[in-house]
């Protein structure tokens, strides 16, 4: 398998190999002999004309008295999101802790990608800066435009995290945060859009938060955002993001059509109708009723009436939906020390001898025991699936 770290061009990698050899005072002939290749092959590597394989980089690193990480100078990789938030005035200790967590997750993921030569695919959507005039109308138009751009049409967004990650290439993490923090967003030219969602919140609420942060990604891309529980719409930016989230997740036409289908022949709006509508669009029961009120499909104050009558409970939703309620895999992954994706990359980096246990522990901010446990888990999974599927380099 050929390796060209994501942040290095073949020419830059060749320059690093040449500099390391010269610093070790080893001739091209001696290095070529150690690799069991012709001298001309080593010259081609150092000139960026031939990509070295992982095993060749490992041999060269050992020959030059360096770790592979040192050879590739991956310690120069830096993605620091913290200054962006501090310029925005975020000083709360719990917010600072969330910012530190997001920064550490992004930094570690970028370093693993560089080390393993992974080129992350990104598809940043068209940016739509806020314009003078009706910001609510602009948010509705932008949400409809993005849906068409993504090929969603009027279909429900089944999994916003997967959509953000797989279609847009955003970095999305679901981790337990202070209950009052719903999510964080930041953009870095190299890392792309970075979003942290609170695993302590229900799935439908995380969906709303993800769509809210997507609104910032569309409109105020370079400005970081920290969404607190019950954040007031005190600015045009927040009004835009909130409206964008509603329109993106529950487009007016789709809601109206589904509402008519579900309530056909009914004389009044019931809890069952709300539960089914909320399930279809993957949003909370309250958000569903508020949207119906906004669209004039039910009377203003309908949600308040339901609350006065005891609300619409999870137990009632379970009675209506039963097995249709899917398991929340994000909460399972959030119990891990790191994300599943980074766990796989860490294990692969160790398997290829690119990083030691100690280096993995430092990079992921975990102790050596946890790093060893992480590696053992993925080693065991690799043994179980060995031979069941082949991958091409």
Protein backbone atom coordinates (compact mmCIF):
# COMPACT_ATOMS: atom_id res chain seq x y z
CA UNK A 1 0.00 0.00 0.00
CA UNK A 2 1.35 3.42 -0.93
CA UNK A 3 1.31 6.17 1.68
CA UNK A 4 1.23 9.86 1.00
CA UNK A 5 0.15 11.68 4.19
CA UNK A 6 -2.81 13.97 3.55
CA UNK A 7 -0.89 17.17 4.33
CA UNK A 8 2.17 16.27 2.22
CA UNK A 9 2.58 16.26 -1.55
CA UNK A 10 4.89 13.58 -3.05
CA UNK A 11 7.56 16.29 -3.50
CA UNK A 12 7.26 17.42 0.14
CA UNK A 13 7.47 13.82 1.35
CA UNK A 14 10.55 13.27 -0.79
CA UNK A 15 12.20 16.38 0.68
CA UNK A 16 11.57 15.07 4.21
CA UNK A 17 13.14 11.72 3.33
CA UNK A 18 16.21 13.41 1.86
CA UNK A 19 16.61 15.76 4.84
CA UNK A 20 16.30 12.88 7.31
CA UNK A 21 18.91 10.83 5.44
CA UNK A 22 21.33 13.74 5.25
CA UNK A 23 20.84 14.53 8.95
CA UNK A 24 21.64 10.88 9.74
CA UNK A 25 24.75 11.18 7.50
CA UNK A 26 23.76 8.13 5.46
CA UNK A 27 24.46 7.90 1.74
CA UNK A 28 21.82 7.18 -0.87
CA UNK A 29 23.62 3.94 -1.70
CA UNK A 30 23.51 2.77 1.94
CA UNK A 31 19.83 3.69 2.29
CA UNK A 32 18.99 1.89 -0.95
CA UNK A 33 20.85 -1.21 0.24
CA UNK A 34 18.89 -1.18 3.53
CA UNK A 35 15.65 -1.04 1.52
CA UNK A 36 16.89 -3.68 -0.93
CA UNK A 37 16.15 -1.41 -3.89
CA UNK A 38 18.29 0.22 -6.56
CA UNK A 39 19.85 3.60 -5.76
CA UNK A 40 17.85 5.10 -8.62
CA UNK A 41 14.64 3.98 -6.84
CA UNK A 42 15.66 5.81 -3.66
CA UNK A 43 16.50 8.90 -5.72
CA UNK A 44 13.02 8.74 -7.30
CA UNK A 45 11.47 8.59 -3.80
CA UNK A 46 13.42 11.63 -2.64
CA UNK A 47 12.46 13.55 -5.78
CA UNK A 48 8.76 12.77 -5.31
CA UNK A 49 8.61 10.65 -8.46
CA UNK A 50 7.91 7.35 -6.72
CA UNK A 51 5.70 6.88 -3.67
CA UNK A 52 7.25 4.85 -0.86
CA UNK A 53 5.28 2.01 0.68
CA UNK A 54 4.50 1.90 4.39
CA UNK A 55 7.04 -0.85 5.04
CA UNK A 56 9.71 1.17 3.19
CA UNK A 57 8.99 4.25 5.29
CA UNK A 58 9.23 2.13 8.42
CA UNK A 59 12.64 0.78 7.37
CA UNK A 60 13.93 4.25 6.51
CA UNK A 61 12.70 5.66 9.84
CA UNK A 62 14.54 2.89 11.73
CA UNK A 63 17.67 3.42 9.62
CA UNK A 64 17.66 7.15 10.36
CA UNK A 65 17.04 6.63 14.08
CA UNK A 66 13.55 8.19 14.02
CA UNK A 67 10.00 7.16 14.69
CA UNK A 68 7.81 7.21 11.60
CA UNK A 69 5.90 10.12 13.11
CA UNK A 70 9.16 12.05 13.50
CA UNK A 71 10.24 11.14 9.99
CA UNK A 72 7.03 12.54 8.53
CA UNK A 73 7.02 15.48 10.91
CA UNK A 74 3.38 14.98 11.77
CA UNK A 75 3.93 16.96 14.96
CA UNK A 76 3.70 20.06 12.77
CA UNK A 77 0.01 19.39 12.11
CA UNK A 78 -2.03 22.01 13.97
CA UNK A 79 -5.74 22.68 13.92
CA UNK A 80 -6.64 25.04 16.75
CA UNK A 81 -10.29 26.07 16.95
CA UNK A 82 -10.07 27.65 20.40
CA UNK A 83 -9.07 31.20 19.41
CA UNK A 84 -12.17 31.47 17.22
CA UNK A 85 -14.50 30.85 20.14
CA UNK A 86 -12.59 33.14 22.48
CA UNK A 87 -12.83 35.99 20.01
CA UNK A 88 -16.58 35.39 20.07
CA UNK A 89 -16.54 35.94 23.85
CA UNK A 90 -17.11 32.40 25.13
CA UNK A 91 -15.73 32.42 28.70
CA UNK A 92 -17.96 30.00 30.64
CA UNK A 93 -15.93 27.13 32.16
CA UNK A 94 -18.28 24.44 30.87
CA UNK A 95 -18.27 25.97 27.41
CA UNK A 96 -14.46 26.17 27.55
CA UNK A 97 -14.35 22.44 28.40
CA UNK A 98 -16.59 21.66 25.40
CA UNK A 99 -14.38 23.79 23.15
CA UNK A 100 -11.27 21.96 24.39
CA UNK A 101 -12.97 18.62 23.70
CA UNK A 102 -13.96 19.61 20.15
CA UNK A 103 -10.45 20.91 19.46
CA UNK A 104 -8.82 17.72 20.77
CA UNK A 105 -11.11 15.48 18.72
CA UNK A 106 -10.51 17.41 15.50
CA UNK A 107 -6.75 17.65 16.09
CA UNK A 108 -6.42 13.92 16.75
CA UNK A 109 -8.55 12.94 13.76
CA UNK A 110 -6.57 15.17 11.36
CA UNK A 111 -3.27 13.75 12.64
CA UNK A 112 -4.46 10.17 12.21
CA UNK A 113 -5.65 10.93 8.68
CA UNK A 114 -2.29 12.45 7.80
CA UNK A 115 -0.39 9.55 9.30
CA UNK A 116 -2.45 6.93 7.47
CA UNK A 117 -2.56 8.85 4.20
CA UNK A 118 -6.34 9.27 4.32
CA UNK A 119 -7.77 11.94 2.06
CA UNK A 120 -11.05 13.06 3.63
CA UNK A 121 -13.68 13.92 1.05
CA UNK A 122 -15.36 17.32 1.55
CA UNK A 123 -18.24 18.93 -0.30
CA UNK A 124 -18.78 22.33 1.30
CA UNK A 125 -22.23 23.59 0.24
CA UNK A 126 -22.60 27.01 -1.39
CA UNK A 127 -22.23 29.78 1.18
CA UNK A 128 -25.19 32.13 1.58
CA UNK A 129 -24.18 35.19 3.66
CA UNK A 130 -26.98 37.03 5.42
CA UNK A 131 -28.51 39.78 3.32
CA UNK A 132 -30.44 42.89 4.36
CA UNK A 133 -34.18 42.38 4.70
CA UNK A 134 -36.31 39.48 5.93
CA UNK A 135 -33.87 36.98 7.43
CA UNK A 136 -36.64 34.42 8.05
CA UNK A 137 -37.60 34.39 4.38
CA UNK A 138 -33.95 34.03 3.38
CA UNK A 139 -33.51 31.06 5.74
CA UNK A 140 -36.54 29.33 4.25
CA UNK A 141 -35.26 29.87 0.71
CA UNK A 142 -31.74 28.73 1.58
CA UNK A 143 -33.04 25.59 3.32
CA UNK A 144 -35.10 24.67 0.24
CA UNK A 145 -32.12 25.34 -2.04
CA UNK A 146 -29.80 23.14 0.05
CA UNK A 147 -32.34 20.32 0.05
CA UNK A 148 -32.40 20.41 -3.74
CA UNK A 149 -28.59 20.63 -3.90
CA UNK A 150 -28.34 17.51 -1.72
CA UNK A 151 -30.98 15.71 -3.75
CA UNK A 152 -33.36 15.44 -0.79
CA UNK A 153 -36.37 17.02 -2.41
CA UNK A 154 -39.11 16.91 0.25
CA UNK A 155 -37.93 13.66 1.83
CA UNK A 156 -37.36 13.54 5.61
CA UNK A 157 -33.79 13.75 6.89
CA UNK A 158 -33.43 10.30 8.41
CA UNK A 159 -30.01 10.79 10.00
CA UNK A 160 -28.55 14.29 10.02
CA UNK A 161 -25.20 13.14 11.44
CA UNK A 162 -24.67 10.73 8.55
CA UNK A 163 -25.78 13.40 6.09
CA UNK A 164 -23.32 15.93 7.50
CA UNK A 165 -20.47 13.41 7.57
CA UNK A 166 -21.00 11.38 4.42
CA UNK A 167 -22.51 13.93 2.03
CA UNK A 168 -20.83 17.14 3.17
CA UNK A 169 -17.64 15.75 4.75
CA UNK A 170 -18.20 17.65 8.00
CA UNK A 171 -16.59 16.38 11.19
CA UNK A 172 -19.38 15.55 13.63
CA UNK A 173 -18.85 14.23 17.14
CA UNK A 174 -21.51 13.17 19.65
CA UNK A 175 -20.19 13.41 23.21
CA UNK A 176 -21.64 14.04 26.66
CA UNK A 177 -21.57 17.74 27.50
CA UNK A 178 -23.08 19.92 30.17
CA UNK A 179 -26.89 19.64 29.79
CA UNK A 180 -27.19 23.36 29.07
CA UNK A 181 -24.90 23.10 26.02
CA UNK A 182 -26.66 21.76 22.93
CA UNK A 183 -23.82 21.98 20.44
CA UNK A 184 -20.76 23.73 19.05
CA UNK A 185 -19.78 24.67 15.52
CA UNK A 186 -16.52 25.95 14.03
CA UNK A 187 -14.97 26.04 10.57
CA UNK A 188 -11.31 25.58 9.70
CA UNK A 189 -9.95 25.87 6.17
CA UNK A 190 -8.07 22.61 6.51
CA UNK A 191 -10.39 20.57 8.74
CA UNK A 192 -13.66 21.89 7.30
CA UNK A 193 -16.88 22.17 9.30
CA UNK A 194 -16.55 20.80 12.85
CA UNK A 195 -19.64 20.10 14.95
CA UNK A 196 -20.01 18.75 18.49
CA UNK A 197 -23.44 17.53 19.64
CA UNK A 198 -24.53 16.69 23.17
CA UNK A 199 -25.03 12.94 23.64
CA UNK A 200 -27.00 13.64 26.82
CA UNK A 201 -29.81 15.10 24.73
CA UNK A 202 -32.46 12.96 22.96
CA UNK A 203 -31.91 12.08 19.32
CA UNK A 204 -34.62 14.46 18.04
CA UNK A 205 -33.09 17.35 19.96
CA UNK A 206 -29.63 16.55 18.59
CA UNK A 207 -31.19 16.55 15.13
CA UNK A 208 -32.50 20.07 15.72
CA UNK A 209 -29.08 21.17 16.97
CA UNK A 210 -27.33 19.61 13.98
CA UNK A 211 -29.65 21.45 11.59
CA UNK A 212 -29.11 24.68 13.54
CA UNK A 213 -25.34 24.36 13.19
CA UNK A 214 -25.78 23.50 9.51
CA UNK A 215 -27.54 26.85 9.21
CA UNK A 216 -24.42 28.56 10.54
CA UNK A 217 -22.30 26.50 8.13
CA UNK A 218 -24.43 27.88 5.29
CA UNK A 219 -24.67 31.52 6.38
CA UNK A 220 -21.97 32.56 8.87
CA UNK A 221 -19.41 29.91 7.96
CA UNK A 222 -16.31 31.44 9.56
CA UNK A 223 -18.02 32.52 12.79
CA UNK A 224 -18.07 29.89 15.58
CA UNK A 225 -21.32 29.08 17.36
CA UNK A 226 -22.15 27.73 20.78
CA UNK A 227 -25.80 26.77 21.12
CA UNK A 228 -27.05 26.88 24.69
CA UNK A 229 -30.28 25.41 26.03
CA UNK A 230 -33.00 27.96 25.39
CA UNK A 231 -30.77 30.40 23.52
CA UNK A 232 -32.86 33.48 22.75
CA UNK A 233 -33.14 34.71 19.18
CA UNK A 234 -31.30 37.89 20.09
CA UNK A 235 -29.57 38.31 16.73
CA UNK A 236 -30.31 37.96 13.04
CA UNK A 237 -27.78 35.10 12.94
CA UNK A 238 -29.70 33.09 15.54
CA UNK A 239 -33.07 33.81 13.94
CA UNK A 240 -31.66 32.62 10.64
CA UNK A 241 -30.16 29.42 12.12
CA UNK A 242 -33.35 28.52 14.01
CA UNK A 243 -35.58 29.18 11.01
CA UNK A 244 -33.19 27.32 8.70
CA UNK A 245 -33.30 24.28 11.01
CA UNK A 246 -37.12 24.23 11.05
CA UNK A 247 -37.43 24.65 7.30
CA UNK A 248 -34.69 22.15 6.50
CA UNK A 249 -36.08 19.41 8.74
CA UNK A 250 -39.78 20.12 8.24
CA UNK A 251 -40.32 21.76 4.84
CA UNK A 252 -43.74 23.39 4.62
CA UNK A 253 -45.00 21.43 1.61
CA UNK A 254 -43.93 18.06 3.00
CA UNK A 255 -45.46 18.76 6.42
CA UNK A 256 -48.73 19.91 4.87
CA UNK A 257 -49.00 16.81 2.68
CA UNK A 258 -48.20 14.38 5.48
CA UNK A 259 -50.52 16.22 7.86
CA UNK A 260 -53.41 15.83 5.44
CA UNK A 261 -52.61 12.12 4.96
CA UNK A 262 -52.48 11.34 8.68
CA UNK A 263 -55.51 13.37 9.73
CA UNK A 264 -57.79 12.45 6.83
CA UNK A 265 -61.25 11.72 8.21
CA UNK A 266 -60.33 12.80 11.76
CA UNK A 267 -62.48 15.34 13.55
CA UNK A 268 -59.71 16.57 15.83
CA UNK A 269 -55.94 16.58 16.21
CA UNK A 270 -54.80 13.86 18.64
CA UNK A 271 -51.61 12.83 20.38
CA UNK A 272 -51.32 9.91 17.96
CA UNK A 273 -51.24 12.30 14.98
CA UNK A 274 -48.46 14.34 16.58
CA UNK A 275 -46.43 11.25 17.52
CA UNK A 276 -46.60 9.91 13.97
CA UNK A 277 -45.73 13.25 12.39
CA UNK A 278 -42.79 13.74 14.75
CA UNK A 279 -41.55 10.24 13.92
CA UNK A 280 -41.80 10.81 10.17
CA UNK A 281 -39.66 13.97 10.30
CA UNK A 282 -37.37 12.92 13.16
CA UNK A 283 -38.08 15.98 15.31
CA UNK A 284 -39.56 16.43 18.78
CA UNK A 285 -43.28 16.41 19.45
CA UNK A 286 -43.12 20.02 20.57
CA UNK A 287 -41.24 21.08 17.43
CA UNK A 288 -43.87 19.28 15.35
CA UNK A 289 -46.79 21.10 16.96
CA UNK A 290 -45.01 24.46 16.86
CA UNK A 291 -44.40 23.95 13.13
CA UNK A 292 -48.07 23.08 12.57
CA UNK A 293 -49.03 26.27 14.39
CA UNK A 294 -46.55 28.28 12.31
CA UNK A 295 -47.98 26.87 9.08
CA UNK A 296 -51.57 27.51 10.14
CA UNK A 297 -52.40 23.79 10.16
CA UNK A 298 -53.56 23.96 13.77
CA UNK A 299 -54.64 26.72 16.14
CA UNK A 300 -52.06 28.88 17.94
CA UNK A 301 -51.59 27.59 21.48
CA UNK A 302 -52.18 23.95 20.56
CA UNK A 303 -48.94 22.81 22.16
CA UNK A 304 -49.73 24.71 25.34
CA UNK A 305 -53.12 22.92 25.42
CA UNK A 306 -51.41 19.53 25.15
CA UNK A 307 -49.06 20.50 27.99
CA UNK A 308 -52.02 21.46 30.17
CA UNK A 309 -53.56 18.07 29.44
CA UNK A 310 -50.44 16.19 30.60
CA UNK A 311 -48.27 16.57 27.51
CA UNK A 312 -47.29 13.89 25.00
CA UNK A 313 -45.06 11.45 26.83
CA UNK A 314 -42.37 8.99 25.73
CA UNK A 315 -44.56 6.18 27.08
CA UNK A 316 -47.40 7.27 24.80
CA UNK A 317 -44.99 7.45 21.85
CA UNK A 318 -43.82 3.91 22.63
CA UNK A 319 -47.42 2.67 22.63
CA UNK A 320 -47.98 4.18 19.17
CA UNK A 321 -44.63 3.40 17.53
CA UNK A 322 -43.41 0.28 19.33
CA UNK A 323 -40.52 -1.31 17.41
CA UNK A 324 -40.47 1.60 14.95
CA UNK A 325 -38.35 3.53 17.47
CA UNK A 326 -34.75 2.75 16.41
CA UNK A 327 -31.89 2.32 18.90
CA UNK A 328 -29.75 5.39 19.50
CA UNK A 329 -26.35 4.19 18.26
CA UNK A 330 -24.79 7.63 18.85
CA UNK A 331 -25.33 7.28 22.59
CA UNK A 332 -23.59 3.90 22.53
CA UNK A 333 -20.60 5.35 20.66
CA UNK A 334 -20.56 8.36 23.02
CA UNK A 335 -19.76 6.00 25.91
CA UNK A 336 -16.46 5.17 24.24
CA UNK A 337 -13.34 7.13 25.16
CA UNK A 338 -13.07 8.21 21.53
CA UNK A 339 -15.24 7.86 18.44
CA UNK A 340 -15.50 4.57 16.58
CA UNK A 341 -13.77 6.09 13.53
CA UNK A 342 -10.78 7.31 15.52
CA UNK A 343 -10.60 4.00 17.34
CA UNK A 344 -10.25 2.23 14.00
CA UNK A 345 -7.57 4.69 12.83
CA UNK A 346 -5.65 4.41 16.12
CA UNK A 347 -5.68 0.63 15.92
CA UNK A 348 -4.52 0.71 12.29
CA UNK A 349 -1.73 3.16 13.12
CA UNK A 350 -0.53 0.82 15.86
CA UNK A 351 -0.88 -2.26 13.62
CA UNK A 352 1.31 -0.61 10.98
CA UNK A 353 3.81 0.42 13.67
CA UNK A 354 3.24 4.07 12.84
CA UNK A 355 2.56 4.95 16.47
CA UNK A 356 3.40 3.33 19.79
CA UNK A 357 0.87 2.79 22.58
CA UNK A 358 2.33 5.78 24.38
CA UNK A 359 2.03 8.02 21.33
CA UNK A 360 -1.60 6.94 20.80
CA UNK A 361 -2.37 7.63 24.46
CA UNK A 362 -0.88 11.13 24.26
CA UNK A 363 -2.63 11.95 20.99
CA UNK A 364 -6.04 10.85 22.26
CA UNK A 365 -5.58 12.23 25.78
CA UNK A 366 -6.10 8.83 27.40
CA UNK A 367 -3.82 6.75 29.64
CA UNK A 368 -1.69 3.80 28.51
CA UNK A 369 -4.09 1.24 29.99
CA UNK A 370 -7.02 2.67 28.02
CA UNK A 371 -4.88 2.82 24.88
CA UNK A 372 -3.97 -0.85 25.32
CA UNK A 373 -7.62 -1.77 25.88
CA UNK A 374 -8.61 0.16 22.76
CA UNK A 375 -6.02 -1.64 20.63
CA UNK A 376 -6.99 -5.05 22.06
CA UNK A 377 -10.67 -4.43 21.26
CA UNK A 378 -10.01 -3.64 17.63
CA UNK A 379 -7.41 -6.39 17.32
CA UNK A 380 -10.04 -8.88 18.49
CA UNK A 381 -12.60 -7.50 16.04
CA UNK A 382 -10.03 -7.78 13.25
CA UNK A 383 -9.42 -11.46 14.04
CA UNK A 384 -13.16 -12.17 13.97
CA UNK A 385 -13.63 -10.56 10.56
CA UNK A 386 -10.32 -11.55 8.97
CA UNK A 387 -10.91 -12.94 5.50
CA UNK A 388 -14.59 -12.02 5.44
CA UNK A 389 -14.00 -9.04 3.24
CA UNK A 390 -11.11 -7.79 1.12
CA UNK A 391 -10.04 -4.20 0.65
CA UNK A 392 -7.92 -2.83 -2.16
CA UNK A 393 -5.33 -0.16 -1.53
